[in-house]
């Protein structure tokens, strides 16, 4: 899947999570779709650069919990992407707490998988 298509699907998944999870709202003076696009861009960057290191560091805990801790890592990646987009672009999503980030990360992961399987051309 190309970078632009992945960015689009991630932004759509973030928009869906924003409408489902009550603690996540668009933030900034820009239009709503720009908020979702900014977070989608930073989530792609964070997942490709930061997440491998965090996953490696948390590998013992992930093995101990049979992979469930990876959901916590995904939550932190969504929080980091949100923080980066708000502080660097001035537009993004505001996450009220860890519970909202946790549910948002689950929904974003599920929606990315569903949207990716729909778009997959293999």
N, C-alpha and C. Protein backbone atom coordinates (compact mmCIF):
# COMPACT_ATOMS: atom_id res chain seq x y z
N UNK A 1 0.85 -1.17 0.00
CA UNK A 1 0.00 0.00 0.00
C UNK A 1 0.90 1.24 0.00
N UNK A 2 0.56 2.19 -0.84
CA UNK A 2 1.40 3.38 -0.95
C UNK A 2 1.24 4.28 0.27
N UNK A 3 2.18 5.19 0.41
CA UNK A 3 2.18 6.08 1.58
C UNK A 3 0.93 6.94 1.62
N UNK A 4 0.53 7.51 0.47
CA UNK A 4 -0.64 8.38 0.45
C UNK A 4 -1.92 7.62 0.78
N UNK A 5 -2.04 6.41 0.27
CA UNK A 5 -3.22 5.61 0.56
C UNK A 5 -3.25 5.22 2.04
N UNK A 6 -2.11 4.86 2.58
CA UNK A 6 -2.02 4.53 4.00
C UNK A 6 -2.37 5.75 4.86
N UNK A 7 -1.90 6.91 4.47
CA UNK A 7 -2.20 8.15 5.18
C UNK A 7 -3.70 8.44 5.14
N UNK A 8 -4.31 8.27 3.98
CA UNK A 8 -5.75 8.51 3.83
C UNK A 8 -6.56 7.54 4.70
N UNK A 9 -6.20 6.26 4.67
CA UNK A 9 -6.93 5.27 5.46
C UNK A 9 -6.77 5.50 6.96
N UNK A 10 -5.57 5.88 7.37
CA UNK A 10 -5.34 6.17 8.78
C UNK A 10 -6.13 7.40 9.22
N UNK A 11 -6.19 8.41 8.37
CA UNK A 11 -6.96 9.61 8.69
C UNK A 11 -8.45 9.31 8.79
N UNK A 12 -8.95 8.46 7.91
CA UNK A 12 -10.36 8.05 7.98
C UNK A 12 -10.62 7.27 9.26
N UNK A 13 -9.69 6.37 9.61
CA UNK A 13 -9.85 5.59 10.84
C UNK A 13 -9.83 6.49 12.08
N UNK A 14 -9.00 7.51 12.07
CA UNK A 14 -8.97 8.46 13.19
C UNK A 14 -10.27 9.24 13.25
N UNK A 15 -10.82 9.62 12.11
CA UNK A 15 -12.10 10.33 12.09
C UNK A 15 -13.21 9.46 12.66
N UNK A 16 -13.22 8.18 12.30
CA UNK A 16 -14.24 7.26 12.82
C UNK A 16 -14.07 7.10 14.33
N UNK A 17 -12.83 6.97 14.79
CA UNK A 17 -12.59 6.85 16.23
C UNK A 17 -13.01 8.11 16.97
N UNK A 18 -12.85 9.26 16.35
CA UNK A 18 -13.25 10.52 16.98
C UNK A 18 -14.75 10.58 17.17
N UNK A 19 -15.50 10.05 16.21
CA UNK A 19 -16.95 10.08 16.33
C UNK A 19 -17.49 9.00 17.25
N UNK A 20 -16.71 7.95 17.50
CA UNK A 20 -17.17 6.85 18.35
C UNK A 20 -16.77 7.06 19.81
N UNK A 21 -15.53 7.43 20.05
CA UNK A 21 -15.01 7.57 21.42
C UNK A 21 -15.32 8.97 21.94
N UNK A 22 -16.01 9.08 23.08
CA UNK A 22 -16.41 10.40 23.57
C UNK A 22 -15.27 11.29 24.04
N UNK A 23 -14.13 10.76 24.42
CA UNK A 23 -13.04 11.58 24.94
C UNK A 23 -12.07 12.09 23.90
N UNK A 24 -12.35 11.89 22.62
CA UNK A 24 -11.47 12.36 21.56
C UNK A 24 -12.24 13.36 20.71
N UNK A 25 -11.68 14.58 20.60
CA UNK A 25 -12.35 15.61 19.81
C UNK A 25 -11.35 16.30 18.90
N UNK A 26 -11.79 16.79 17.74
CA UNK A 26 -10.89 17.59 16.89
C UNK A 26 -10.51 18.87 17.61
N UNK A 27 -9.28 19.32 17.41
CA UNK A 27 -8.76 20.48 18.13
C UNK A 27 -8.01 21.38 17.16
N UNK A 28 -8.21 22.65 17.28
CA UNK A 28 -7.46 23.61 16.48
C UNK A 28 -8.38 24.52 15.70
N UNK A 29 -7.78 25.51 15.06
CA UNK A 29 -8.57 26.48 14.31
C UNK A 29 -8.81 26.03 12.87
N UNK A 30 -8.17 24.97 12.45
CA UNK A 30 -8.33 24.47 11.09
C UNK A 30 -9.62 23.68 10.96
N UNK A 31 -9.96 23.35 9.73
CA UNK A 31 -11.13 22.53 9.50
C UNK A 31 -10.89 21.13 10.06
N UNK A 32 -11.98 20.42 10.27
CA UNK A 32 -11.91 19.11 10.93
C UNK A 32 -11.08 18.12 10.12
N UNK A 33 -11.23 18.10 8.81
CA UNK A 33 -10.50 17.13 8.00
C UNK A 33 -9.00 17.39 8.04
N UNK A 34 -8.59 18.63 8.23
CA UNK A 34 -7.16 18.94 8.36
C UNK A 34 -6.64 18.39 9.69
N UNK A 35 -7.46 18.45 10.73
CA UNK A 35 -7.07 17.88 12.02
C UNK A 35 -6.81 16.39 11.88
N UNK A 36 -7.73 15.69 11.20
CA UNK A 36 -7.59 14.24 11.03
C UNK A 36 -6.39 13.91 10.14
N UNK A 37 -6.17 14.71 9.09
CA UNK A 37 -5.04 14.46 8.20
C UNK A 37 -3.70 14.69 8.92
N UNK A 38 -3.65 15.70 9.78
CA UNK A 38 -2.41 15.96 10.53
C UNK A 38 -2.09 14.83 11.49
N UNK A 39 -3.09 14.37 12.21
CA UNK A 39 -2.86 13.27 13.15
C UNK A 39 -2.51 11.99 12.38
N UNK A 40 -3.17 11.77 11.24
CA UNK A 40 -2.87 10.58 10.43
C UNK A 40 -1.43 10.60 9.93
N UNK A 41 -0.96 11.78 9.52
CA UNK A 41 0.43 11.91 9.07
C UNK A 41 1.40 11.61 10.21
N UNK A 42 1.16 12.24 11.35
CA UNK A 42 2.07 12.03 12.48
C UNK A 42 1.98 10.61 13.04
N UNK A 43 0.79 9.99 12.97
CA UNK A 43 0.68 8.61 13.43
C UNK A 43 1.49 7.68 12.54
N UNK A 44 1.49 7.93 11.24
CA UNK A 44 2.33 7.14 10.33
C UNK A 44 3.81 7.32 10.62
N UNK A 45 4.21 8.55 10.88
CA UNK A 45 5.62 8.83 11.19
C UNK A 45 6.02 8.19 12.52
N UNK A 46 5.17 8.35 13.53
CA UNK A 46 5.47 7.79 14.85
C UNK A 46 5.51 6.26 14.79
N UNK A 47 4.57 5.67 14.07
CA UNK A 47 4.54 4.20 13.96
C UNK A 47 5.76 3.66 13.22
N UNK A 48 6.32 4.42 12.31
CA UNK A 48 7.48 3.91 11.59
C UNK A 48 8.81 4.22 12.28
N UNK A 49 8.87 5.29 13.07
CA UNK A 49 10.14 5.67 13.69
C UNK A 49 10.25 5.33 15.17
N UNK A 50 9.21 5.58 15.94
CA UNK A 50 9.28 5.43 17.39
C UNK A 50 8.78 4.06 17.85
N UNK A 51 7.72 3.57 17.24
CA UNK A 51 7.08 2.35 17.71
C UNK A 51 8.01 1.12 17.72
N UNK A 52 8.90 0.94 16.72
CA UNK A 52 9.79 -0.23 16.80
C UNK A 52 10.68 -0.23 18.05
N UNK A 53 11.16 0.93 18.46
CA UNK A 53 12.00 1.01 19.66
C UNK A 53 11.20 0.74 20.93
N UNK A 54 10.01 1.32 21.01
CA UNK A 54 9.16 1.09 22.18
C UNK A 54 8.73 -0.38 22.25
N UNK A 55 8.43 -0.97 21.09
CA UNK A 55 8.05 -2.38 21.06
C UNK A 55 9.21 -3.27 21.52
N UNK A 56 10.40 -2.93 21.09
CA UNK A 56 11.57 -3.71 21.51
C UNK A 56 11.83 -3.58 23.00
N UNK A 57 11.70 -2.37 23.52
CA UNK A 57 11.92 -2.15 24.95
C UNK A 57 10.86 -2.87 25.78
N UNK A 58 9.62 -2.87 25.30
CA UNK A 58 8.52 -3.47 26.06
C UNK A 58 8.29 -4.94 25.71
N UNK A 59 9.19 -5.55 24.98
CA UNK A 59 9.01 -6.94 24.57
C UNK A 59 8.84 -7.92 25.73
N UNK A 60 9.61 -7.82 26.81
CA UNK A 60 9.37 -8.75 27.93
C UNK A 60 7.97 -8.63 28.52
N UNK A 61 7.50 -7.40 28.68
CA UNK A 61 6.16 -7.20 29.22
C UNK A 61 5.08 -7.65 28.24
N UNK A 62 5.34 -7.46 26.95
CA UNK A 62 4.39 -7.92 25.93
C UNK A 62 4.31 -9.44 25.93
N UNK A 63 5.44 -10.10 26.07
CA UNK A 63 5.43 -11.57 26.13
C UNK A 63 4.75 -12.06 27.41
N UNK A 64 4.98 -11.37 28.50
CA UNK A 64 4.38 -11.75 29.78
C UNK A 64 2.85 -11.63 29.73
N UNK A 65 2.36 -10.62 29.03
CA UNK A 65 0.90 -10.42 28.94
C UNK A 65 0.30 -11.04 27.69
N UNK A 66 1.08 -11.86 27.00
CA UNK A 66 0.64 -12.55 25.77
C UNK A 66 0.18 -11.57 24.69
N UNK A 67 0.85 -10.45 24.59
CA UNK A 67 0.60 -9.49 23.53
C UNK A 67 -0.38 -8.38 23.85
N UNK A 68 -1.04 -8.46 24.98
CA UNK A 68 -2.03 -7.45 25.33
C UNK A 68 -1.38 -6.09 25.56
N UNK A 69 -0.15 -6.07 26.04
CA UNK A 69 0.53 -4.80 26.31
C UNK A 69 0.76 -4.01 25.02
N UNK A 70 0.70 -4.65 23.88
CA UNK A 70 0.86 -3.94 22.62
C UNK A 70 -0.26 -2.93 22.41
N UNK A 71 -1.42 -3.19 23.00
CA UNK A 71 -2.51 -2.21 22.95
C UNK A 71 -2.15 -0.94 23.71
N UNK A 72 -1.42 -1.09 24.80
CA UNK A 72 -0.96 0.07 25.56
C UNK A 72 0.07 0.85 24.74
N UNK A 73 0.94 0.15 24.05
CA UNK A 73 1.92 0.81 23.19
C UNK A 73 1.21 1.59 22.08
N UNK A 74 0.17 0.97 21.48
CA UNK A 74 -0.59 1.67 20.45
C UNK A 74 -1.27 2.92 21.01
N UNK A 75 -1.72 2.84 22.24
CA UNK A 75 -2.35 4.01 22.88
C UNK A 75 -1.35 5.14 23.04
N UNK A 76 -0.15 4.81 23.47
CA UNK A 76 0.87 5.84 23.61
C UNK A 76 1.27 6.43 22.26
N UNK A 77 1.28 5.63 21.21
CA UNK A 77 1.60 6.14 19.88
C UNK A 77 0.52 7.11 19.39
N UNK A 78 -0.74 6.81 19.68
CA UNK A 78 -1.83 7.73 19.31
C UNK A 78 -1.73 9.02 20.12
N UNK A 79 -1.42 8.91 21.40
CA UNK A 79 -1.23 10.11 22.23
C UNK A 79 -0.06 10.97 21.71
N UNK A 80 1.04 10.31 21.35
CA UNK A 80 2.21 11.04 20.85
C UNK A 80 1.90 11.71 19.52
N UNK A 81 1.21 11.02 18.63
CA UNK A 81 0.83 11.61 17.34
C UNK A 81 -0.10 12.80 17.53
N UNK A 82 -1.02 12.67 18.48
CA UNK A 82 -1.93 13.78 18.78
C UNK A 82 -1.16 14.97 19.32
N UNK A 83 -0.26 14.72 20.25
CA UNK A 83 0.52 15.80 20.84
C UNK A 83 1.38 16.49 19.79
N UNK A 84 2.03 15.71 18.92
CA UNK A 84 2.87 16.30 17.87
C UNK A 84 2.06 17.14 16.90
N UNK A 85 0.91 16.63 16.49
CA UNK A 85 0.11 17.38 15.51
C UNK A 85 -0.43 18.68 16.11
N UNK A 86 -0.84 18.64 17.35
CA UNK A 86 -1.36 19.86 17.99
C UNK A 86 -0.24 20.87 18.20
N UNK A 87 0.92 20.42 18.63
CA UNK A 87 2.00 21.35 18.95
C UNK A 87 2.79 21.82 17.74
N UNK A 88 2.86 21.01 16.68
CA UNK A 88 3.62 21.42 15.50
C UNK A 88 2.75 22.04 14.42
N UNK A 89 1.53 21.53 14.25
CA UNK A 89 0.65 22.05 13.20
C UNK A 89 -0.42 23.00 13.75
N UNK A 90 -0.71 22.90 15.02
CA UNK A 90 -1.77 23.71 15.60
C UNK A 90 -3.15 23.12 15.39
N UNK A 91 -3.22 21.95 14.81
CA UNK A 91 -4.50 21.28 14.57
C UNK A 91 -4.29 19.79 14.77
N UNK A 92 -5.26 19.13 15.38
CA UNK A 92 -5.14 17.70 15.63
C UNK A 92 -6.35 17.22 16.40
N UNK A 93 -6.12 16.27 17.27
CA UNK A 93 -7.19 15.78 18.13
C UNK A 93 -6.76 15.94 19.58
N UNK A 94 -7.73 16.24 20.41
CA UNK A 94 -7.47 16.33 21.85
C UNK A 94 -7.99 15.06 22.49
N UNK A 95 -7.15 14.39 23.25
CA UNK A 95 -7.51 13.15 23.92
C UNK A 95 -7.59 13.44 25.41
N UNK A 96 -8.75 13.13 26.01
CA UNK A 96 -8.99 13.53 27.40
C UNK A 96 -8.24 12.69 28.42
N UNK A 97 -7.91 11.46 28.12
CA UNK A 97 -7.22 10.62 29.09
C UNK A 97 -6.75 9.32 28.46
N UNK A 98 -6.14 8.48 29.29
CA UNK A 98 -5.60 7.22 28.78
C UNK A 98 -6.70 6.28 28.32
N UNK A 99 -7.84 6.28 29.00
CA UNK A 99 -8.94 5.40 28.60
C UNK A 99 -9.44 5.73 27.21
N UNK A 100 -9.55 7.01 26.92
CA UNK A 100 -9.97 7.44 25.58
C UNK A 100 -8.91 7.07 24.54
N UNK A 101 -7.64 7.25 24.89
CA UNK A 101 -6.57 6.87 23.97
C UNK A 101 -6.56 5.37 23.73
N UNK A 102 -6.81 4.60 24.78
CA UNK A 102 -6.84 3.14 24.66
C UNK A 102 -7.95 2.69 23.72
N UNK A 103 -9.17 3.21 23.94
CA UNK A 103 -10.29 2.85 23.08
C UNK A 103 -10.08 3.38 21.66
N UNK A 104 -9.53 4.57 21.55
CA UNK A 104 -9.25 5.14 20.23
C UNK A 104 -8.23 4.33 19.46
N UNK A 105 -7.19 3.85 20.15
CA UNK A 105 -6.17 3.04 19.48
C UNK A 105 -6.75 1.71 19.01
N UNK A 106 -7.64 1.13 19.80
CA UNK A 106 -8.28 -0.13 19.39
C UNK A 106 -9.13 0.11 18.15
N UNK A 107 -9.92 1.18 18.16
CA UNK A 107 -10.79 1.46 17.02
C UNK A 107 -9.98 1.83 15.78
N UNK A 108 -8.92 2.61 15.94
CA UNK A 108 -8.07 2.96 14.79
C UNK A 108 -7.43 1.71 14.21
N UNK A 109 -6.95 0.80 15.05
CA UNK A 109 -6.34 -0.43 14.55
C UNK A 109 -7.35 -1.28 13.80
N UNK A 110 -8.54 -1.44 14.36
CA UNK A 110 -9.57 -2.24 13.71
C UNK A 110 -10.00 -1.61 12.39
N UNK A 111 -10.22 -0.30 12.39
CA UNK A 111 -10.68 0.37 11.18
C UNK A 111 -9.60 0.38 10.10
N UNK A 112 -8.34 0.52 10.48
CA UNK A 112 -7.26 0.45 9.48
C UNK A 112 -7.20 -0.94 8.85
N UNK A 113 -7.41 -1.97 9.65
CA UNK A 113 -7.42 -3.33 9.12
C UNK A 113 -8.59 -3.54 8.18
N UNK A 114 -9.76 -3.06 8.56
CA UNK A 114 -10.96 -3.23 7.71
C UNK A 114 -10.81 -2.43 6.42
N UNK A 115 -10.44 -1.17 6.54
CA UNK A 115 -10.28 -0.33 5.34
C UNK A 115 -9.15 -0.84 4.44
N UNK A 116 -8.08 -1.32 5.05
CA UNK A 116 -6.98 -1.87 4.27
C UNK A 116 -7.38 -3.13 3.51
N UNK A 117 -8.23 -3.95 4.12
CA UNK A 117 -8.67 -5.17 3.43
C UNK A 117 -9.66 -4.84 2.31
N UNK A 118 -10.42 -3.77 2.46
CA UNK A 118 -11.34 -3.37 1.39
C UNK A 118 -10.57 -2.82 0.20
N UNK A 119 -9.54 -2.03 0.48
CA UNK A 119 -8.79 -1.37 -0.59
C UNK A 119 -7.74 -2.30 -1.21
N UNK A 120 -7.34 -3.32 -0.48
CA UNK A 120 -6.28 -4.23 -0.95
C UNK A 120 -6.62 -4.79 -2.31
N UNK A 121 -5.68 -4.67 -3.25
CA UNK A 121 -5.92 -5.07 -4.63
C UNK A 121 -5.27 -6.39 -5.00
N UNK A 122 -4.78 -7.14 -4.07
CA UNK A 122 -4.09 -8.40 -4.39
C UNK A 122 -5.04 -9.42 -4.82
